């Protein structure tokens, strides 16, 4: 499964930044050992259902444990049993089409 998610506390830290809270969630993803990537809008994680959902829950818990009384979470999943390497494979296939002109 591929899971794309965006997570943030409902209110920013003093000064208006969400970076500290988001960094906590990204740290959880990186420490999970699952294939992942983070861009300006989403973090993508690849793995089996239970392990990906466990990471997502830890990300939410990290924010609430840090004091967020409300968390905004947007999730999109591509559930394709038996397929792995899709995090890079999907992009590679598009690039191959573009390279052909």
Protein backbone atom coordinates (compact mmCIF):
# COMPACT_ATOMS: atom_id res chain seq x y z
CA UNK A 1 0.00 0.00 0.00
CA UNK A 2 1.04 3.54 -0.68
CA UNK A 3 -0.21 6.13 1.76
CA UNK A 4 0.07 9.88 1.22
CA UNK A 5 -0.74 12.05 4.19
CA UNK A 6 -0.58 15.61 5.38
CA UNK A 7 -0.71 16.27 9.10
CA UNK A 8 -0.59 19.40 11.22
CA UNK A 9 -1.90 20.65 14.55
CA UNK A 10 -4.99 22.83 14.24
CA UNK A 11 -3.04 25.85 15.43
CA UNK A 12 0.55 26.80 14.68
CA UNK A 13 3.27 27.34 17.22
CA UNK A 14 3.96 30.82 18.49
CA UNK A 15 5.27 32.73 15.52
CA UNK A 16 2.94 30.98 13.06
CA UNK A 17 5.07 27.98 12.12
CA UNK A 18 3.98 24.35 11.86
CA UNK A 19 7.54 23.14 11.18
CA UNK A 20 8.30 21.77 14.64
CA UNK A 21 5.10 19.71 14.81
CA UNK A 22 5.45 18.43 11.26
CA UNK A 23 9.10 17.54 11.89
CA UNK A 24 7.96 15.33 14.76
CA UNK A 25 5.71 13.38 12.44
CA UNK A 26 8.38 13.12 9.73
CA UNK A 27 10.80 11.81 12.37
CA UNK A 28 8.32 9.02 13.19
CA UNK A 29 8.11 8.08 9.51
CA UNK A 30 11.88 8.08 9.04
CA UNK A 31 12.42 5.97 12.15
CA UNK A 32 9.82 3.44 10.95
CA UNK A 33 12.22 1.99 8.40
CA UNK A 34 9.50 1.93 5.75
CA UNK A 35 10.16 3.36 2.29
CA UNK A 36 9.06 7.00 2.33
CA UNK A 37 9.46 10.46 0.87
CA UNK A 38 8.45 13.88 2.05
CA UNK A 39 7.67 16.84 -0.18
CA UNK A 40 6.23 20.30 0.42
CA UNK A 41 2.65 19.03 0.73
CA UNK A 42 2.62 15.35 1.73
CA UNK A 43 4.60 12.50 3.18
CA UNK A 44 4.34 9.21 1.29
CA UNK A 45 4.89 5.87 3.01
CA UNK A 46 4.92 2.37 1.52
CA UNK A 47 4.28 -0.89 3.34
CA UNK A 48 1.68 -3.35 4.49
CA UNK A 49 -1.64 -2.02 5.80
CA UNK A 50 -0.99 -2.65 9.50
CA UNK A 51 2.52 -1.22 9.52
CA UNK A 52 1.59 1.91 7.55
CA UNK A 53 -1.46 2.56 9.71
CA UNK A 54 0.64 2.07 12.85
CA UNK A 55 3.06 4.75 11.60
CA UNK A 56 0.17 7.09 10.85
CA UNK A 57 -1.22 6.60 14.36
CA UNK A 58 2.20 7.29 15.89
CA UNK A 59 2.37 10.53 13.89
CA UNK A 60 -0.97 11.66 15.31
CA UNK A 61 0.06 10.56 18.81
CA UNK A 62 3.30 12.53 18.48
CA UNK A 63 1.34 15.71 17.85
CA UNK A 64 -1.17 15.16 20.63
CA UNK A 65 1.59 14.16 23.04
CA UNK A 66 3.32 17.45 22.18
CA UNK A 67 0.22 19.37 23.22
CA UNK A 68 -1.94 19.65 20.11
CA UNK A 69 -5.57 19.52 21.22
CA UNK A 70 -6.70 19.08 17.61
CA UNK A 71 -4.94 17.53 14.62
CA UNK A 72 -5.75 17.96 10.93
CA UNK A 73 -5.07 14.82 8.88
CA UNK A 74 -5.54 14.31 5.13
CA UNK A 75 -4.97 10.76 3.82
CA UNK A 76 -4.97 9.17 0.39
CA UNK A 77 -4.16 5.49 -0.12
CA UNK A 78 -3.37 3.25 -3.09
CA UNK A 79 -4.13 -0.27 -1.90
CA UNK A 80 -2.70 -2.86 -4.28
CA UNK A 81 -1.99 -6.18 -2.54
CA UNK A 82 1.09 -8.04 -3.70
CA UNK A 83 2.85 -5.02 -5.16
CA UNK A 84 5.96 -3.48 -3.65
CA UNK A 85 8.39 -0.82 -4.84
CA UNK A 86 5.53 1.34 -6.02
CA UNK A 87 6.82 4.48 -4.34
CA UNK A 88 9.52 4.73 -6.97
CA UNK A 89 7.99 2.47 -9.63
CA UNK A 90 5.00 4.67 -10.39
CA UNK A 91 7.22 7.70 -10.94
CA UNK A 92 9.72 5.71 -12.99
CA UNK A 93 6.99 4.52 -15.37
CA UNK A 94 5.78 8.09 -15.95
CA UNK A 95 9.36 9.25 -16.56
CA UNK A 96 9.82 6.45 -19.11
CA UNK A 97 6.78 7.67 -21.04
CA UNK A 98 8.07 11.26 -20.92
CA UNK A 99 11.51 10.16 -22.09
CA UNK A 100 9.97 8.52 -25.17
CA UNK A 101 8.64 11.94 -26.13
